[in-house]
PDB file of N, CA and C in Angstrom:
ATOM      1  N   MET A   1      99.406  17.588 -25.832  1.00  0.00           N
ATOM      2  CA  MET A   1     100.956  17.588 -25.754  1.00  0.00           C
ATOM      3  C   MET A   1     101.485  17.420 -24.325  1.00  0.00           C
ATOM      4  N   LEU A   2     100.677  18.033 -23.494  1.00  0.00           N
ATOM      5  CA  LEU A   2     101.210  18.014 -22.033  1.00  0.00           C
ATOM      6  C   LEU A   2     101.025  16.547 -21.525  1.00  0.00           C
ATOM      7  N   PHE A   3     100.062  15.863 -21.931  1.00  0.00           N
ATOM      8  CA  PHE A   3      99.865  14.468 -21.576  1.00  0.00           C
ATOM      9  C   PHE A   3     100.977  13.600 -22.010  1.00  0.00           C
ATOM     10  N   ILE A   4     101.379  13.778 -23.290  1.00  0.00           N
ATOM     11  CA  ILE A   4     102.375  12.968 -23.978  1.00  0.00           C
ATOM     12  C   ILE A   4     103.715  13.288 -23.196  1.00  0.00           C
ATOM     13  N   ALA A   5     104.055  14.520 -23.003  1.00  0.00           N
ATOM     14  CA  ALA A   5     105.280  14.932 -22.280  1.00  0.00           C
ATOM     15  C   ALA A   5     105.298  14.327 -20.939  1.00  0.00           C
ATOM     16  N   LEU A   6     104.199  14.257 -20.251  1.00  0.00           N
ATOM     17  CA  LEU A   6     104.141  13.661 -19.022  1.00  0.00           C
ATOM     18  C   LEU A   6     104.316  12.128 -18.967  1.00  0.00           C
ATOM     19  N   LEU A   7     103.779  11.522 -19.968  1.00  0.00           N
ATOM     20  CA  LEU A   7     104.070  10.052 -20.047  1.00  0.00           C
ATOM     21  C   LEU A   7     105.543   9.757 -20.364  1.00  0.00           C
ATOM     22  N   ILE A   8     106.155  10.637 -21.181  1.00  0.00           N
ATOM     23  CA  ILE A   8     107.640  10.458 -21.541  1.00  0.00           C
ATOM     24  C   ILE A   8     108.491  10.626 -20.236  1.00  0.00           C
ATOM     25  N   LEU A   9     108.119  11.644 -19.526  1.00  0.00           N
ATOM     26  CA  LEU A   9     108.922  11.908 -18.258  1.00  0.00           C
ATOM     27  C   LEU A   9     108.691  10.790 -17.251  1.00  0.00           C
ATOM     28  N   LEU A  10     107.495  10.218 -17.120  1.00  0.00           N
ATOM     29  CA  LEU A  10     107.178   9.150 -16.269  1.00  0.00           C
ATOM     30  C   LEU A  10     107.937   7.999 -16.653  1.00  0.00           C
ATOM     31  N   HIS A  11     108.075   7.769 -17.902  1.00  0.00           N
ATOM     32  CA  HIS A  11     108.913   6.675 -18.408  1.00  0.00           C
ATOM     33  C   HIS A  11     110.471   6.785 -18.135  1.00  0.00           C
ATOM     34  N   VAL A  12     110.794   8.012 -18.330  1.00  0.00           N
ATOM     35  CA  VAL A  12     112.349   8.271 -18.159  1.00  0.00           C
ATOM     36  C   VAL A  12     112.620   8.142 -16.666  1.00  0.00           C
ATOM     37  N   GLU A  13     111.731   8.652 -15.840  1.00  0.00           N
ATOM     38  CA  GLU A  13     112.090   8.591 -14.391  1.00  0.00           C
ATOM     39  C   GLU A  13     111.731   7.282 -13.809  1.00  0.00           C
ATOM     40  N   GLN A  14     111.192   6.321 -14.529  1.00  0.00           N
ATOM     41  CA  GLN A  14     110.693   5.086 -14.088  1.00  0.00           C
ATOM     42  C   GLN A  14     109.724   5.090 -12.907  1.00  0.00           C
ATOM     43  N   MET A  15     108.776   6.152 -13.121  1.00  0.00           N
ATOM     44  CA  MET A  15     107.738   6.227 -12.082  1.00  0.00           C
ATOM     45  C   MET A  15     106.534   5.455 -12.557  1.00  0.00           C
ATOM     46  N   THR A  16     106.301   4.325 -11.972  1.00  0.00           N
ATOM     47  CA  THR A  16     105.130   3.489 -12.318  1.00  0.00           C
ATOM     48  C   THR A  16     104.462   3.114 -11.133  1.00  0.00           C
ATOM     49  N   GLY A  17     103.217   2.663 -11.404  1.00  0.00           N
ATOM     50  CA  GLY A  17     102.291   2.341 -10.213  1.00  0.00           C
ATOM     51  C   GLY A  17     100.834   2.392 -10.608  1.00  0.00           C
ATOM     52  N   GLN A  18     100.081   1.885  -9.766  1.00  0.00           N
ATOM     53  CA  GLN A  18      98.561   1.919  -9.980  1.00  0.00           C
ATOM     54  C   GLN A  18      97.944   3.399  -9.946  1.00  0.00           C
ATOM     55  N   PHE A  19      98.563   4.176  -9.156  1.00  0.00           N
ATOM     56  CA  PHE A  19      98.129   5.627  -9.080  1.00  0.00           C
ATOM     57  C   PHE A  19      98.306   6.234 -10.472  1.00  0.00           C
ATOM     58  N   TRP A  20      99.331   6.087 -11.145  1.00  0.00           N
ATOM     59  CA  TRP A  20      99.597   6.787 -12.439  1.00  0.00           C
ATOM     60  C   TRP A  20      98.756   6.058 -13.503  1.00  0.00           C
ATOM     61  N   PHE A  21      98.573   4.761 -13.397  1.00  0.00           N
ATOM     62  CA  PHE A  21      97.671   4.080 -14.374  1.00  0.00           C
ATOM     63  C   PHE A  21      96.234   4.455 -14.250  1.00  0.00           C
ATOM     64  N   VAL A  22      95.729   4.630 -13.076  1.00  0.00           N
ATOM     65  CA  VAL A  22      94.274   4.979 -12.840  1.00  0.00           C
ATOM     66  C   VAL A  22      94.180   6.459 -13.272  1.00  0.00           C
ATOM     67  N   LEU A  23      95.046   7.363 -12.888  1.00  0.00           N
ATOM     68  CA  LEU A  23      94.944   8.792 -13.203  1.00  0.00           C
ATOM     69  C   LEU A  23      94.950   8.869 -14.827  1.00  0.00           C
ATOM     70  N   CYS A  24      95.954   8.282 -15.558  1.00  0.00           N
ATOM     71  CA  CYS A  24      95.925   8.372 -17.003  1.00  0.00           C
ATOM     72  C   CYS A  24      94.838   7.736 -17.648  1.00  0.00           C
ATOM     73  N   THR A  25      94.210   6.616 -17.065  1.00  0.00           N
ATOM     74  CA  THR A  25      93.012   6.057 -17.590  1.00  0.00           C
ATOM     75  C   THR A  25      91.861   6.974 -17.455  1.00  0.00           C
ATOM     76  N   VAL A  26      91.678   7.567 -16.327  1.00  0.00           N
ATOM     77  CA  VAL A  26      90.520   8.527 -16.171  1.00  0.00           C
ATOM     78  C   VAL A  26      90.649   9.740 -17.117  1.00  0.00           C
ATOM     79  N   PHE A  27      91.910  10.194 -17.325  1.00  0.00           N
ATOM     80  CA  PHE A  27      92.103  11.326 -18.256  1.00  0.00           C
ATOM     81  C   PHE A  27      91.669  10.979 -19.696  1.00  0.00           C
ATOM     82  N   VAL A  28      92.183   9.776 -20.178  1.00  0.00           N
ATOM     83  CA  VAL A  28      91.886   9.344 -21.501  1.00  0.00           C
ATOM     84  C   VAL A  28      90.348   9.114 -21.671  1.00  0.00           C
ATOM     85  N   ALA A  29      89.782   8.381 -20.664  1.00  0.00           N
ATOM     86  CA  ALA A  29      88.307   8.181 -20.704  1.00  0.00           C
ATOM     87  C   ALA A  29      87.561   9.546 -20.781  1.00  0.00           C
ATOM     88  N   ALA A  30      87.931  10.514 -20.033  1.00  0.00           N
ATOM     89  CA  ALA A  30      87.313  11.820 -19.921  1.00  0.00           C
ATOM     90  C   ALA A  30      87.493  12.579 -21.317  1.00  0.00           C
ATOM     91  N   ARG A  31      88.599  12.401 -21.996  1.00  0.00           N
ATOM     92  CA  ARG A  31      88.783  12.968 -23.251  1.00  0.00           C
ATOM     93  C   ARG A  31      87.936  12.333 -24.341  1.00  0.00           C
ATOM     94  N   TYR A  32      87.807  11.061 -24.295  1.00  0.00           N
ATOM     95  CA  TYR A  32      86.838  10.333 -25.112  1.00  0.00           C
ATOM     96  C   TYR A  32      85.504  10.793 -24.965  1.00  0.00           C
ATOM     97  N   TRP A  33      85.060  10.913 -23.661  1.00  0.00           N
ATOM     98  CA  TRP A  33      83.670  11.447 -23.325  1.00  0.00           C
ATOM     99  C   TRP A  33      83.525  12.760 -23.932  1.00  0.00           C
ATOM    100  N   HIS A  34      84.474  13.655 -23.782  1.00  0.00           N
ATOM    101  CA  HIS A  34      84.470  14.974 -24.272  1.00  0.00           C
ATOM    102  C   HIS A  34      84.340  15.045 -25.707  1.00  0.00           C
ATOM    103  N   SER A  35      85.042  14.230 -26.492  1.00  0.00           N
ATOM    104  CA  SER A  35      84.917  14.126 -27.847  1.00  0.00           C
ATOM    105  C   SER A  35      83.526  13.616 -28.364  1.00  0.00           C
ATOM    106  N   TYR A  36      83.094  12.620 -27.628  1.00  0.00           N
ATOM    107  CA  TYR A  36      81.763  12.079 -27.993  1.00  0.00           C
ATOM    108  C   TYR A  36      80.629  13.227 -27.760  1.00  0.00           C
ATOM    109  N   GLU A  37      80.767  13.904 -26.646  1.00  0.00           N
ATOM    110  CA  GLU A  37      79.775  14.971 -26.381  1.00  0.00           C
ATOM    111  C   GLU A  37      79.885  16.135 -27.400  1.00  0.00           C
ATOM    112  N   HIS A  38      81.092  16.367 -27.898  1.00  0.00           N
ATOM    113  CA  HIS A  38      81.373  17.426 -28.838  1.00  0.00           C
ATOM    114  C   HIS A  38      80.846  17.111 -30.287  1.00  0.00           C
ATOM    115  N   VAL A  39      81.057  15.829 -30.654  1.00  0.00           N
ATOM    116  CA  VAL A  39      80.662  15.420 -31.976  1.00  0.00           C
ATOM    117  C   VAL A  39      79.187  15.056 -32.064  1.00  0.00           C
ATOM    118  N   LEU A  40      78.721  14.145 -31.261  1.00  0.00           N
ATOM    119  CA  LEU A  40      77.374  13.512 -31.258  1.00  0.00           C
ATOM    120  C   LEU A  40      76.460  14.022 -30.271  1.00  0.00           C
ATOM    121  N   GLY A  41      76.873  14.443 -29.146  1.00  0.00           N
ATOM    122  CA  GLY A  41      75.902  15.040 -28.166  1.00  0.00           C
ATOM    123  C   GLY A  41      75.678  16.372 -28.334  1.00  0.00           C
ATOM    124  N   SER A  42      74.696  16.891 -27.642  1.00  0.00           N
ATOM    125  CA  SER A  42      74.290  18.297 -27.778  1.00  0.00           C
ATOM    126  C   SER A  42      74.208  18.961 -26.350  1.00  0.00           C
ATOM    127  N   ASN A  43      74.743  18.169 -25.306  1.00  0.00           N
ATOM    128  CA  ASN A  43      74.612  18.727 -23.934  1.00  0.00           C
ATOM    129  C   ASN A  43      75.859  19.435 -23.591  1.00  0.00           C
ATOM    130  N   LEU A  44      75.765  20.747 -23.599  1.00  0.00           N
ATOM    131  CA  LEU A  44      76.922  21.571 -23.273  1.00  0.00           C
ATOM    132  C   LEU A  44      77.436  21.347 -21.815  1.00  0.00           C
ATOM    133  N   ARG A  45      76.555  21.124 -20.895  1.00  0.00           N
ATOM    134  CA  ARG A  45      76.955  20.962 -19.450  1.00  0.00           C
ATOM    135  C   ARG A  45      77.716  19.536 -19.277  1.00  0.00           C
ATOM    136  N   LEU A  46      77.380  18.476 -19.998  1.00  0.00           N
ATOM    137  CA  LEU A  46      78.086  17.264 -19.907  1.00  0.00           C
ATOM    138  C   LEU A  46      79.500  17.461 -20.637  1.00  0.00           C
ATOM    139  N   ARG A  47      79.518  18.162 -21.728  1.00  0.00           N
ATOM    140  CA  ARG A  47      80.798  18.376 -22.337  1.00  0.00           C
ATOM    141  C   ARG A  47      81.783  19.223 -21.453  1.00  0.00           C
ATOM    142  N   THR A  48      81.245  20.206 -20.832  1.00  0.00           N
ATOM    143  CA  THR A  48      82.013  21.021 -19.909  1.00  0.00           C
ATOM    144  C   THR A  48      82.461  20.142 -18.713  1.00  0.00           C
ATOM    145  N   LEU A  49      81.673  19.309 -18.219  1.00  0.00           N
ATOM    146  CA  LEU A  49      82.044  18.447 -17.116  1.00  0.00           C
ATOM    147  C   LEU A  49      83.070  17.487 -17.558  1.00  0.00           C
ATOM    148  N   ALA A  50      83.026  16.851 -18.764  1.00  0.00           N
ATOM    149  CA  ALA A  50      84.081  15.983 -19.233  1.00  0.00           C
ATOM    150  C   ALA A  50      85.383  16.789 -19.371  1.00  0.00           C
ATOM    151  N   PHE A  51      85.332  17.954 -19.883  1.00  0.00           N
ATOM    152  CA  PHE A  51      86.612  18.774 -20.195  1.00  0.00           C
ATOM    153  C   PHE A  51      87.148  19.100 -18.770  1.00  0.00           C
ATOM    154  N   GLY A  52      86.302  19.492 -17.860  1.00  0.00           N
ATOM    155  CA  GLY A  52      86.859  19.821 -16.504  1.00  0.00           C
ATOM    156  C   GLY A  52      87.483  18.663 -15.858  1.00  0.00           C
ATOM    157  N   LEU A  53      86.852  17.416 -15.969  1.00  0.00           N
ATOM    158  CA  LEU A  53      87.442  16.257 -15.346  1.00  0.00           C
ATOM    159  C   LEU A  53      88.718  15.883 -16.026  1.00  0.00           C
ATOM    160  N   SER A  54      88.876  15.924 -17.242  1.00  0.00           N
ATOM    161  CA  SER A  54      90.175  15.742 -17.954  1.00  0.00           C
ATOM    162  C   SER A  54      91.226  16.773 -17.616  1.00  0.00           C
ATOM    163  N   SER A  55      90.872  17.984 -17.540  1.00  0.00           N
ATOM    164  CA  SER A  55      91.792  19.072 -17.029  1.00  0.00           C
ATOM    165  C   SER A  55      92.278  18.884 -15.624  1.00  0.00           C
ATOM    166  N   PHE A  56      91.319  18.587 -14.813  1.00  0.00           N
ATOM    167  CA  PHE A  56      91.685  18.258 -13.389  1.00  0.00           C
ATOM    168  C   PHE A  56      92.686  17.016 -13.360  1.00  0.00           C
ATOM    169  N   CYS A  57      92.463  16.038 -14.042  1.00  0.00           N
ATOM    170  CA  CYS A  57      93.310  14.875 -13.907  1.00  0.00           C
ATOM    171  C   CYS A  57      94.762  15.258 -14.513  1.00  0.00           C
ATOM    172  N   LEU A  58      94.792  15.962 -15.579  1.00  0.00           N
ATOM    173  CA  LEU A  58      96.127  16.295 -16.075  1.00  0.00           C
ATOM    174  C   LEU A  58      96.842  17.300 -15.165  1.00  0.00           C
ATOM    175  N   PHE A  59      96.189  18.273 -14.657  1.00  0.00           N
ATOM    176  CA  PHE A  59      96.930  19.162 -13.733  1.00  0.00           C
ATOM    177  C   PHE A  59      97.294  18.398 -12.354  1.00  0.00           C
ATOM    178  N   PHE A  60      96.454  17.624 -11.936  1.00  0.00           N
ATOM    179  CA  PHE A  60      96.822  16.777 -10.751  1.00  0.00           C
ATOM    180  C   PHE A  60      97.966  15.943 -11.044  1.00  0.00           C
ATOM    181  N   ALA A  61      98.040  15.318 -12.206  1.00  0.00           N
ATOM    182  CA  ALA A  61      99.131  14.401 -12.605  1.00  0.00           C
ATOM    183  C   ALA A  61     100.430  15.243 -12.573  1.00  0.00           C
ATOM    184  N   TRP A  62     100.364  16.415 -13.236  1.00  0.00           N
ATOM    185  CA  TRP A  62     101.659  17.174 -13.307  1.00  0.00           C
ATOM    186  C   TRP A  62     102.095  17.701 -11.891  1.00  0.00           C
ATOM    187  N   PHE A  63     101.113  18.088 -11.088  1.00  0.00           N
ATOM    188  CA  PHE A  63     101.524  18.565  -9.696  1.00  0.00           C
ATOM    189  C   PHE A  63     102.059  17.434  -8.889  1.00  0.00           C
ATOM    190  N   SER A  64     101.453  16.212  -9.139  1.00  0.00           N
ATOM    191  CA  SER A  64     101.951  15.012  -8.357  1.00  0.00           C
ATOM    192  C   SER A  64     103.340  14.672  -8.809  1.00  0.00           C
ATOM    193  N   PHE A  65     103.554  14.809 -10.093  1.00  0.00           N
ATOM    194  CA  PHE A  65     104.935  14.504 -10.689  1.00  0.00           C
ATOM    195  C   PHE A  65     105.983  15.471 -10.162  1.00  0.00           C
ATOM    196  N   LEU A  66     105.596  16.775 -10.211  1.00  0.00           N
ATOM    197  CA  LEU A  66     106.668  17.714  -9.778  1.00  0.00           C
ATOM    198  C   LEU A  66     106.880  17.688  -8.236  1.00  0.00           C
ATOM    199  N   PHE A  67     105.781  17.527  -7.439  1.00  0.00           N
ATOM    200  CA  PHE A  67     106.035  17.591  -6.028  1.00  0.00           C
ATOM    201  C   PHE A  67     106.542  16.185  -5.497  1.00  0.00           C
ATOM    202  N   ASP A  68     106.404  15.103  -6.245  1.00  0.00           N
ATOM    203  CA  ASP A  68     106.982  13.862  -5.827  1.00  0.00           C
ATOM    204  C   ASP A  68     108.435  13.890  -6.026  1.00  0.00           C
ATOM    205  N   ARG A  69     108.943  14.725  -6.896  1.00  0.00           N
ATOM    206  CA  ARG A  69     110.381  14.822  -7.259  1.00  0.00           C
ATOM    207  C   ARG A  69     111.105  15.696  -6.207  1.00  0.00           C
ATOM    208  N   VAL A  70     110.440  16.596  -5.431  1.00  0.00           N
ATOM    209  CA  VAL A  70     111.063  17.502  -4.565  1.00  0.00           C
ATOM    210  C   VAL A  70     111.505  16.802  -3.278  1.00  0.00           C
TER     211      VAL A  70
END
């Protein structure tokens, strides 16, 4: 939900660029990786790494969005 809200706000504020594209792509790829490890994989460390990477990307995106507006 936080990712979708961020995408809507980025669209409304017309904030586009390669930075946002790369950050969102890494987030989505990490979520797919986490889902793969959760369903088919059995490696808890890789699943935790994928979750941490996606969480970091999401929090970094929100902080970048908030501090870019100030």
